[in-house]
Amino acid sequence: MHAIVRAALTPVRATAENKAERVSEETLGAVLRVLEQKGDWALCSGEDGYEGWLHVGSLIVCTAEEAEAWWDEGGGVPAVTLDATLADDDGRLQTHLPWGARVALIGSLARLPDGRTGRLSEGSWVAWDQLGDRYPQDGAAVTATAFEWMGVPYIWGGRTRWGADCSGFVQSIYRLHGLLLPRDSRQQAEIGQPIDPADDYSGLRAGDLLFFRGRETERVVHVALSLGGPAILHAAQENGSVMNDELGGESELERSLAEGLVSVRRLFGLG
């Protein structure tokens, strides 16, 4: 069985209970594979392969064919929302949709997986087949998109502009630019081409991904987006939000990041 996310945003939990750790989240329109059901909970695999438990109230459980083609009904064209607000014909608020939610466009209307329709009141959306033009596979373009997330609160398990952790931030940015990364930083550290940053960080280009170990472990626990040279943009719990820092800078965080840098990966512009 498969499922379509019908809620604007729904948590993915480590176990099948509301008090369990929130390890990630899924946005409206995402297509999931259902691996197991336990009462009101479903163990699902996301489009990035990440597994976790979701409450079935946020899902439409269906066949694989129905899940993969829900946006085609009625001639719908798939689109991605960028913090969009939908209203009915009388201007009454219907729903807020986060960055990355998927809707089906039918003329000037957006149709949701549960059949509701609404008109764009605030924010924007981009048709799926136009993403490549608006969000090209280029490091400078990636960082330009990332700057739109400045000040987004740090939230463990988040990956929208309503709140994001380090790997969720990077994953969401790169996905708009046509590359679906794994969910966790240690998995992302295996993607792309390894790059030598050089002692003065002159080997770093805008859009490179930097990976850092923890203070008491050699395991990768953090990822940041390079702005070129020592400058980075990242979602760090120490900052409380998406902010820019400088490797080896004056703050304790910037010094510890320089000491903990373990690898750099380049995903675009490898020539």
C-alpha atoms as a PDB file:
ATOM      1  CA  MET A   1       0.000   0.000   0.000  1.00  0.00           C
ATOM      2  CA  HIS A   2       0.919   3.624  -0.457  1.00  0.00           C
ATOM      3  CA  ALA A   3      -0.295   6.870   1.064  1.00  0.00           C
ATOM      4  CA  ILE A   4      -0.653  10.543   0.179  1.00  0.00           C
ATOM      5  CA  VAL A   5      -0.080  13.160   2.853  1.00  0.00           C
ATOM      6  CA  ARG A   6      -3.318  15.120   3.243  1.00  0.00           C
ATOM      7  CA  ALA A   7      -2.232  17.397   6.107  1.00  0.00           C
ATOM      8  CA  ALA A   8      -0.345  20.603   5.368  1.00  0.00           C
ATOM      9  CA  LEU A   9       2.484  19.326   7.547  1.00  0.00           C
ATOM     10  CA  THR A  10       2.693  16.165   9.619  1.00  0.00           C
ATOM     11  CA  PRO A  11       5.395  14.871  11.970  1.00  0.00           C
ATOM     12  CA  VAL A  12       7.324  11.676  11.369  1.00  0.00           C
ATOM     13  CA  ARG A  13       8.001   9.945  14.690  1.00  0.00           C
ATOM     14  CA  ALA A  14      10.525   7.370  15.842  1.00  0.00           C
ATOM     15  CA  THR A  15       7.826   5.071  17.241  1.00  0.00           C
ATOM     16  CA  ALA A  16       4.051   4.717  16.922  1.00  0.00           C
ATOM     17  CA  GLU A  17       2.978   7.191  19.627  1.00  0.00           C
ATOM     18  CA  ASN A  18       2.413  10.927  19.897  1.00  0.00           C
ATOM     19  CA  LYS A  19       5.029  11.371  22.610  1.00  0.00           C
ATOM     20  CA  ALA A  20       7.744   9.739  20.498  1.00  0.00           C
ATOM     21  CA  GLU A  21      10.665  11.739  19.133  1.00  0.00           C
ATOM     22  CA  ARG A  22       9.860  13.825  16.071  1.00  0.00           C
ATOM     23  CA  VAL A  23      12.572  12.716  13.639  1.00  0.00           C
ATOM     24  CA  SER A  24      11.316  14.408  10.479  1.00  0.00           C
ATOM     25  CA  GLU A  25       8.159  15.644   8.799  1.00  0.00           C
ATOM     26  CA  GLU A  26       6.253  15.281   5.553  1.00  0.00           C
ATOM     27  CA  THR A  27       4.369  17.946   3.629  1.00  0.00           C
ATOM     28  CA  LEU A  28       1.035  17.838   1.837  1.00  0.00           C
ATOM     29  CA  GLY A  29       0.998  15.892  -1.412  1.00  0.00           C
ATOM     30  CA  ALA A  30       4.023  13.715  -0.662  1.00  0.00           C
ATOM     31  CA  VAL A  31       3.702  10.105  -1.804  1.00  0.00           C
ATOM     32  CA  LEU A  32       4.781   7.527   0.781  1.00  0.00           C
ATOM     33  CA  ARG A  33       5.165   3.763   0.814  1.00  0.00           C
ATOM     34  CA  VAL A  34       3.337   2.077   3.696  1.00  0.00           C
ATOM     35  CA  LEU A  35       5.504  -0.615   5.261  1.00  0.00           C
ATOM     36  CA  GLU A  36       3.397  -1.515   8.291  1.00  0.00           C
ATOM     37  CA  GLN A  37       0.259  -0.410  10.130  1.00  0.00           C
ATOM     38  CA  LYS A  38      -0.230  -0.489  13.882  1.00  0.00           C
ATOM     39  CA  GLY A  39      -3.548   0.889  15.099  1.00  0.00           C
ATOM     40  CA  ASP A  40      -3.742   4.576  14.190  1.00  0.00           C
ATOM     41  CA  TRP A  41      -0.150   4.639  12.965  1.00  0.00           C
ATOM     42  CA  ALA A  42       1.602   3.713   9.737  1.00  0.00           C
ATOM     43  CA  LEU A  43       5.299   3.054   9.276  1.00  0.00           C
ATOM     44  CA  CYS A  44       6.122   4.768   6.005  1.00  0.00           C
ATOM     45  CA  SER A  45       9.075   5.279   3.715  1.00  0.00           C
ATOM     46  CA  GLY A  46       9.257   8.794   2.261  1.00  0.00           C
ATOM     47  CA  GLU A  47      10.269   9.838  -1.214  1.00  0.00           C
ATOM     48  CA  ASP A  48      13.825  10.209   0.142  1.00  0.00           C
ATOM     49  CA  GLY A  49      13.753   6.687   1.599  1.00  0.00           C
ATOM     50  CA  TYR A  50      13.545   7.930   5.199  1.00  0.00           C
ATOM     51  CA  GLU A  51      11.356   5.752   7.425  1.00  0.00           C
ATOM     52  CA  GLY A  52       9.203   6.695  10.383  1.00  0.00           C
ATOM     53  CA  TRP A  53       5.742   6.535  11.906  1.00  0.00           C
ATOM     54  CA  LEU A  54       2.905   8.862  10.835  1.00  0.00           C
ATOM     55  CA  HIS A  55      -0.619   9.120  12.222  1.00  0.00           C
ATOM     56  CA  VAL A  56      -3.091   7.771   9.672  1.00  0.00           C
ATOM     57  CA  GLY A  57      -5.321  10.806  10.205  1.00  0.00           C
ATOM     58  CA  SER A  58      -2.814  12.812   8.172  1.00  0.00           C
ATOM     59  CA  LEU A  59      -2.774  10.290   5.324  1.00  0.00           C
ATOM     60  CA  ILE A  60      -4.901   8.965   2.483  1.00  0.00           C
ATOM     61  CA  VAL A  61      -4.023   5.284   2.246  1.00  0.00           C
ATOM     62  CA  CYS A  62      -4.418   3.991  -1.312  1.00  0.00           C
ATOM     63  CA  THR A  63      -2.828   1.919  -4.046  1.00  0.00           C
ATOM     64  CA  ALA A  64       0.509   2.802  -5.614  1.00  0.00           C
ATOM     65  CA  GLU A  65      -1.217   3.826  -8.850  1.00  0.00           C
ATOM     66  CA  GLU A  66      -3.630   6.160  -7.054  1.00  0.00           C
ATOM     67  CA  ALA A  67      -0.843   7.696  -5.021  1.00  0.00           C
ATOM     68  CA  GLU A  68       1.432   8.388  -7.962  1.00  0.00           C
ATOM     69  CA  ALA A  69      -1.312   9.940 -10.106  1.00  0.00           C
ATOM     70  CA  TRP A  70      -3.503  11.862  -7.664  1.00  0.00           C
ATOM     71  CA  TRP A  71      -2.606  15.244  -9.153  1.00  0.00           C
ATOM     72  CA  ASP A  72      -3.607  14.104 -12.673  1.00  0.00           C
ATOM     73  CA  GLU A  73      -7.320  13.814 -11.857  1.00  0.00           C
ATOM     74  CA  GLY A  74      -9.330  16.474 -13.651  1.00  0.00           C
ATOM     75  CA  GLY A  75      -6.329  17.515 -15.724  1.00  0.00           C
ATOM     76  CA  GLY A  76      -4.294  18.732 -12.766  1.00  0.00           C
ATOM     77  CA  VAL A  77      -0.719  19.924 -13.204  1.00  0.00           C
ATOM     78  CA  PRO A  78       1.629  19.191 -10.262  1.00  0.00           C
ATOM     79  CA  ALA A  79       3.109  22.237  -8.555  1.00  0.00           C
ATOM     80  CA  VAL A  80       5.177  23.022  -5.469  1.00  0.00           C
ATOM     81  CA  THR A  81       4.031  25.696  -3.014  1.00  0.00           C
ATOM     82  CA  LEU A  82       6.338  28.293  -1.512  1.00  0.00           C
ATOM     83  CA  ASP A  83       4.561  29.162   1.733  1.00  0.00           C
ATOM     84  CA  ALA A  84       1.174  29.575   0.035  1.00  0.00           C
ATOM     85  CA  THR A  85      -2.144  30.522   1.600  1.00  0.00           C
ATOM     86  CA  LEU A  86      -5.303  29.250  -0.111  1.00  0.00           C
ATOM     87  CA  ALA A  87      -8.725  30.858   0.149  1.00  0.00           C
ATOM     88  CA  ASP A  88     -12.170  29.952  -1.191  1.00  0.00           C
ATOM     89  CA  ASP A  89     -14.121  31.962  -3.775  1.00  0.00           C
ATOM     90  CA  ASP A  90     -15.360  34.309  -1.043  1.00  0.00           C
ATOM     91  CA  GLY A  91     -11.860  35.015   0.185  1.00  0.00           C
ATOM     92  CA  ARG A  92     -12.168  32.933   3.347  1.00  0.00           C
ATOM     93  CA  LEU A  93      -8.976  31.248   4.502  1.00  0.00           C
ATOM     94  CA  GLN A  94      -8.790  27.558   3.702  1.00  0.00           C
ATOM     95  CA  THR A  95      -5.270  26.510   4.613  1.00  0.00           C
ATOM     96  CA  HIS A  96      -1.651  27.562   4.920  1.00  0.00           C
ATOM     97  CA  LEU A  97       0.765  25.357   2.972  1.00  0.00           C
ATOM     98  CA  PRO A  98       4.492  25.222   3.748  1.00  0.00           C
ATOM     99  CA  TRP A  99       7.452  25.427   1.412  1.00  0.00           C
ATOM    100  CA  GLY A 100       7.601  22.145  -0.529  1.00  0.00           C
ATOM    101  CA  ALA A 101       3.944  21.086  -0.347  1.00  0.00           C
ATOM    102  CA  ARG A 102       2.573  19.649  -3.584  1.00  0.00           C
ATOM    103  CA  VAL A 103      -0.753  20.622  -5.132  1.00  0.00           C
ATOM    104  CA  ALA A 104      -2.475  20.058  -8.469  1.00  0.00           C
ATOM    105  CA  LEU A 105      -3.153  23.191 -10.504  1.00  0.00           C
ATOM    106  CA  ILE A 106      -6.388  23.296 -12.472  1.00  0.00           C
ATOM    107  CA  GLY A 107      -6.576  26.710 -14.092  1.00  0.00           C
ATOM    108  CA  SER A 108      -6.342  29.279 -11.291  1.00  0.00           C
ATOM    109  CA  LEU A 109      -7.298  26.716  -8.645  1.00  0.00           C
ATOM    110  CA  ALA A 110      -5.102  24.451  -6.551  1.00  0.00           C
ATOM    111  CA  ARG A 111      -6.588  21.064  -5.716  1.00  0.00           C
ATOM    112  CA  LEU A 112      -5.462  19.231  -2.596  1.00  0.00           C
ATOM    113  CA  PRO A 113      -5.220  15.437  -2.237  1.00  0.00           C
ATOM    114  CA  ASP A 114      -8.546  15.287  -0.341  1.00  0.00           C
ATOM    115  CA  GLY A 115     -10.367  17.066  -3.189  1.00  0.00           C
ATOM    116  CA  ARG A 116     -10.605  20.554  -1.698  1.00  0.00           C
ATOM    117  CA  THR A 117      -9.743  23.448  -3.984  1.00  0.00           C
ATOM    118  CA  GLY A 118      -8.623  26.986  -3.297  1.00  0.00           C
ATOM    119  CA  ARG A 119      -7.224  30.112  -4.870  1.00  0.00           C
ATOM    120  CA  LEU A 120      -3.849  31.602  -4.077  1.00  0.00           C
ATOM    121  CA  SER A 121      -4.275  34.331  -1.471  1.00  0.00           C
ATOM    122  CA  GLU A 122      -0.679  34.823  -0.353  1.00  0.00           C
ATOM    123  CA  GLY A 123       2.690  33.328  -1.235  1.00  0.00           C
ATOM    124  CA  SER A 124       3.357  31.525  -4.484  1.00  0.00           C
ATOM    125  CA  TRP A 125       3.679  28.207  -6.249  1.00  0.00           C
ATOM    126  CA  VAL A 126       5.746  26.866  -9.129  1.00  0.00           C
ATOM    127  CA  ALA A 127       4.583  24.271 -11.639  1.00  0.00           C
ATOM    128  CA  TRP A 128       6.699  21.130 -11.387  1.00  0.00           C
ATOM    129  CA  ASP A 129       7.896  21.357 -15.003  1.00  0.00           C
ATOM    130  CA  GLN A 130       9.089  24.945 -14.460  1.00  0.00           C
ATOM    131  CA  LEU A 131      11.284  24.256 -11.438  1.00  0.00           C
ATOM    132  CA  GLY A 132      14.391  23.731 -13.556  1.00  0.00           C
ATOM    133  CA  ASP A 133      14.116  27.203 -15.087  1.00  0.00           C
ATOM    134  CA  ARG A 134      13.482  28.987 -11.798  1.00  0.00           C
ATOM    135  CA  TYR A 135      15.868  26.861  -9.715  1.00  0.00           C
ATOM    136  CA  PRO A 136      18.819  25.823 -11.932  1.00  0.00           C
ATOM    137  CA  GLN A 137      21.487  23.338 -10.908  1.00  0.00           C
ATOM    138  CA  ASP A 138      24.095  25.904 -10.020  1.00  0.00           C
ATOM    139  CA  GLY A 139      25.876  26.579  -6.730  1.00  0.00           C
ATOM    140  CA  ALA A 140      25.268  30.328  -6.790  1.00  0.00           C
ATOM    141  CA  ALA A 141      21.567  29.769  -7.482  1.00  0.00           C
ATOM    142  CA  VAL A 142      21.402  27.297  -4.581  1.00  0.00           C
ATOM    143  CA  THR A 143      22.831  29.835  -2.140  1.00  0.00           C
ATOM    144  CA  ALA A 144      20.461  32.522  -3.416  1.00  0.00           C
ATOM    145  CA  THR A 145      17.545  30.219  -2.589  1.00  0.00           C
ATOM    146  CA  ALA A 146      19.081  29.401   0.791  1.00  0.00           C
ATOM    147  CA  PHE A 147      19.224  33.077   1.765  1.00  0.00           C
ATOM    148  CA  GLU A 148      15.421  33.118   1.557  1.00  0.00           C
ATOM    149  CA  TRP A 149      15.538  30.922   4.678  1.00  0.00           C
ATOM    150  CA  MET A 150      17.534  33.375   6.805  1.00  0.00           C
ATOM    151  CA  GLY A 151      16.028  33.535  10.286  1.00  0.00           C
ATOM    152  CA  VAL A 152      13.978  30.337   9.963  1.00  0.00           C
ATOM    153  CA  PRO A 153      13.749  28.838  13.493  1.00  0.00           C
ATOM    154  CA  TYR A 154      15.852  25.803  14.315  1.00  0.00           C
ATOM    155  CA  ILE A 155      13.511  22.869  15.001  1.00  0.00           C
ATOM    156  CA  TRP A 156      14.756  19.293  15.317  1.00  0.00           C
ATOM    157  CA  GLY A 157      13.149  17.194  12.585  1.00  0.00           C
ATOM    158  CA  GLY A 158      11.932  20.231  10.607  1.00  0.00           C
ATOM    159  CA  ARG A 159      12.475  20.849   6.925  1.00  0.00           C
ATOM    160  CA  THR A 160      10.293  23.839   5.985  1.00  0.00           C
ATOM    161  CA  ARG A 161      10.485  27.589   6.530  1.00  0.00           C
ATOM    162  CA  TRP A 162       8.226  27.040   9.525  1.00  0.00           C
ATOM    163  CA  GLY A 163      11.246  25.430  11.192  1.00  0.00           C
ATOM    164  CA  ALA A 164      14.190  23.298  10.078  1.00  0.00           C
ATOM    165  CA  ASP A 165      17.192  21.377  11.314  1.00  0.00           C
ATOM    166  CA  CYS A 166      20.541  21.399   9.533  1.00  0.00           C
ATOM    167  CA  SER A 167      19.966  18.497   7.144  1.00  0.00           C
ATOM    168  CA  GLY A 168      16.294  19.358   6.572  1.00  0.00           C
ATOM    169  CA  PHE A 169      17.319  22.872   5.528  1.00  0.00           C
ATOM    170  CA  VAL A 170      19.907  21.593   3.053  1.00  0.00           C
ATOM    171  CA  GLN A 171      17.621  18.865   1.718  1.00  0.00           C
ATOM    172  CA  SER A 172      14.744  21.271   1.047  1.00  0.00           C
ATOM    173  CA  ILE A 173      16.954  23.796  -0.736  1.00  0.00           C
ATOM    174  CA  TYR A 174      18.609  21.244  -2.996  1.00  0.00           C
ATOM    175  CA  ARG A 175      15.327  19.526  -3.783  1.00  0.00           C
ATOM    176  CA  LEU A 176      13.974  22.662  -5.452  1.00  0.00           C
ATOM    177  CA  HIS A 177      17.121  22.639  -7.572  1.00  0.00           C
ATOM    178  CA  GLY A 178      16.414  19.142  -8.823  1.00  0.00           C
ATOM    179  CA  LEU A 179      18.391  16.947  -6.446  1.00  0.00           C
ATOM    180  CA  LEU A 180      16.722  14.883  -3.720  1.00  0.00           C
ATOM    181  CA  LEU A 181      19.287  14.313  -0.974  1.00  0.00           C
ATOM    182  CA  PRO A 182      18.972  11.771   1.818  1.00  0.00           C
ATOM    183  CA  ARG A 183      17.400  13.077   5.017  1.00  0.00           C
ATOM    184  CA  ASP A 184      20.274  12.926   7.533  1.00  0.00           C
ATOM    185  CA  SER A 185      23.620  14.706   7.396  1.00  0.00           C
ATOM    186  CA  ARG A 186      25.673  11.513   7.692  1.00  0.00           C
ATOM    187  CA  GLN A 187      23.829  10.146   4.629  1.00  0.00           C
ATOM    188  CA  GLN A 188      24.225  13.412   2.721  1.00  0.00           C
ATOM    189  CA  ALA A 189      27.984  13.219   3.361  1.00  0.00           C
ATOM    190  CA  GLU A 190      28.159  10.307   0.915  1.00  0.00           C
ATOM    191  CA  ILE A 191      26.664  12.252  -2.031  1.00  0.00           C
ATOM    192  CA  GLY A 192      28.633  14.204  -4.627  1.00  0.00           C
ATOM    193  CA  GLN A 193      32.350  14.631  -5.206  1.00  0.00           C
ATOM    194  CA  PRO A 194      34.798  15.079  -2.303  1.00  0.00           C
ATOM    195  CA  ILE A 195      36.555  18.453  -2.372  1.00  0.00           C
ATOM    196  CA  ASP A 196      39.747  19.670  -0.665  1.00  0.00           C
ATOM    197  CA  PRO A 197      38.757  22.925   1.057  1.00  0.00           C
ATOM    198  CA  ALA A 198      42.425  24.070   1.464  1.00  0.00           C
ATOM    199  CA  ASP A 199      43.769  25.404   4.749  1.00  0.00           C
ATOM    200  CA  ASP A 200      42.445  28.897   4.007  1.00  0.00           C
ATOM    201  CA  TYR A 201      39.125  27.540   2.617  1.00  0.00           C
ATOM    202  CA  SER A 202      39.942  28.909  -0.839  1.00  0.00           C
ATOM    203  CA  GLY A 203      38.887  25.577  -2.344  1.00  0.00           C
ATOM    204  CA  LEU A 204      35.267  26.092  -1.320  1.00  0.00           C
ATOM    205  CA  ARG A 205      32.616  27.260  -3.791  1.00  0.00           C
ATOM    206  CA  ALA A 206      29.122  28.544  -3.203  1.00  0.00           C
ATOM    207  CA  GLY A 207      26.779  25.578  -2.885  1.00  0.00           C
ATOM    208  CA  ASP A 208      29.327  23.078  -1.555  1.00  0.00           C
ATOM    209  CA  LEU A 209      28.183  21.052   1.445  1.00  0.00           C
ATOM    210  CA  LEU A 210      30.375  20.984   4.548  1.00  0.00           C
ATOM    211  CA  PHE A 211      30.110  18.181   7.086  1.00  0.00           C
ATOM    212  CA  PHE A 212      31.155  18.304  10.720  1.00  0.00           C
ATOM    213  CA  ARG A 213      31.728  15.769  13.484  1.00  0.00           C
ATOM    214  CA  GLY A 214      30.413  16.212  17.002  1.00  0.00           C
ATOM    215  CA  ARG A 215      32.543  17.369  19.919  1.00  0.00           C
ATOM    216  CA  GLU A 216      32.718  13.870  21.380  1.00  0.00           C
ATOM    217  CA  THR A 217      32.326  11.692  18.299  1.00  0.00           C
ATOM    218  CA  GLU A 218      33.878  11.201  14.870  1.00  0.00           C
ATOM    219  CA  ARG A 219      30.414  10.685  13.400  1.00  0.00           C
ATOM    220  CA  VAL A 220      28.990  13.375  11.085  1.00  0.00           C
ATOM    221  CA  VAL A 221      26.322  15.281  13.010  1.00  0.00           C
ATOM    222  CA  HIS A 222      26.013  18.609  11.167  1.00  0.00           C
ATOM    223  CA  VAL A 223      25.902  20.006   7.637  1.00  0.00           C
ATOM    224  CA  ALA A 224      26.271  23.557   6.351  1.00  0.00           C
ATOM    225  CA  LEU A 225      26.021  25.231   2.961  1.00  0.00           C
ATOM    226  CA  SER A 226      29.139  27.007   1.705  1.00  0.00           C
ATOM    227  CA  LEU A 227      28.871  30.592   0.506  1.00  0.00           C
ATOM    228  CA  GLY A 228      32.404  30.395  -0.863  1.00  0.00           C
ATOM    229  CA  GLY A 229      35.599  30.658   1.215  1.00  0.00           C
ATOM    230  CA  PRO A 230      35.064  30.403   4.991  1.00  0.00           C
ATOM    231  CA  ALA A 231      31.497  31.768   4.925  1.00  0.00           C
ATOM    232  CA  ILE A 232      28.652  29.309   5.543  1.00  0.00           C
ATOM    233  CA  LEU A 233      24.879  29.318   5.942  1.00  0.00           C
ATOM    234  CA  HIS A 234      23.312  26.709   8.211  1.00  0.00           C
ATOM    235  CA  ALA A 235      20.588  25.808  10.660  1.00  0.00           C
ATOM    236  CA  ALA A 236      22.395  25.424  13.976  1.00  0.00           C
ATOM    237  CA  GLN A 237      20.817  24.803  17.349  1.00  0.00           C
ATOM    238  CA  GLU A 238      23.426  27.090  18.927  1.00  0.00           C
ATOM    239  CA  ASN A 239      22.152  29.993  16.792  1.00  0.00           C
ATOM    240  CA  GLY A 240      18.493  29.086  17.165  1.00  0.00           C
ATOM    241  CA  SER A 241      17.809  29.718  13.480  1.00  0.00           C
ATOM    242  CA  VAL A 242      19.244  29.661   9.974  1.00  0.00           C
ATOM    243  CA  MET A 243      22.174  32.084  10.074  1.00  0.00           C
ATOM    244  CA  ASN A 244      25.467  32.775   8.362  1.00  0.00           C
ATOM    245  CA  ASP A 245      28.781  32.139  10.146  1.00  0.00           C
ATOM    246  CA  GLU A 246      32.452  32.029   9.247  1.00  0.00           C
ATOM    247  CA  LEU A 247      34.701  29.030   9.788  1.00  0.00           C
ATOM    248  CA  GLY A 248      37.391  29.913  12.295  1.00  0.00           C
ATOM    249  CA  GLY A 249      35.626  33.163  13.224  1.00  0.00           C
ATOM    250  CA  GLU A 250      35.533  34.798  16.634  1.00  0.00           C
ATOM    251  CA  SER A 251      32.603  32.954  18.226  1.00  0.00           C
ATOM    252  CA  GLU A 252      32.945  29.646  20.050  1.00  0.00           C
ATOM    253  CA  LEU A 253      30.609  28.032  17.494  1.00  0.00           C
ATOM    254  CA  GLU A 254      32.688  29.254  14.533  1.00  0.00           C
ATOM    255  CA  ARG A 255      35.918  27.991  16.119  1.00  0.00           C
ATOM    256  CA  SER A 256      34.419  24.597  16.950  1.00  0.00           C
ATOM    257  CA  LEU A 257      33.074  24.226  13.406  1.00  0.00           C
ATOM    258  CA  ALA A 258      36.529  24.817  11.944  1.00  0.00           C
ATOM    259  CA  GLU A 259      37.956  22.172  14.259  1.00  0.00           C
ATOM    260  CA  GLY A 260      35.178  19.694  13.465  1.00  0.00           C
ATOM    261  CA  LEU A 261      35.131  19.952   9.660  1.00  0.00           C
ATOM    262  CA  VAL A 262      35.588  16.432   8.295  1.00  0.00           C
ATOM    263  CA  SER A 263      34.590  16.617   4.632  1.00  0.00           C
ATOM    264  CA  VAL A 264      33.288  18.789   1.810  1.00  0.00           C
ATOM    265  CA  ARG A 265      31.122  17.589  -1.063  1.00  0.00           C
ATOM    266  CA  ARG A 266      30.342  19.314  -4.353  1.00  0.00           C
ATOM    267  CA  LEU A 267      27.063  18.424  -6.035  1.00  0.00           C
ATOM    268  CA  PHE A 268      26.888  20.851  -8.974  1.00  0.00           C
ATOM    269  CA  GLY A 269      29.505  22.432 -11.206  1.00  0.00           C
ATOM    270  CA  LEU A 270      32.060  19.634 -10.988  1.00  0.00           C
ATOM    271  CA  GLY A 271      33.965  20.681 -14.078  1.00  0.00           C
END
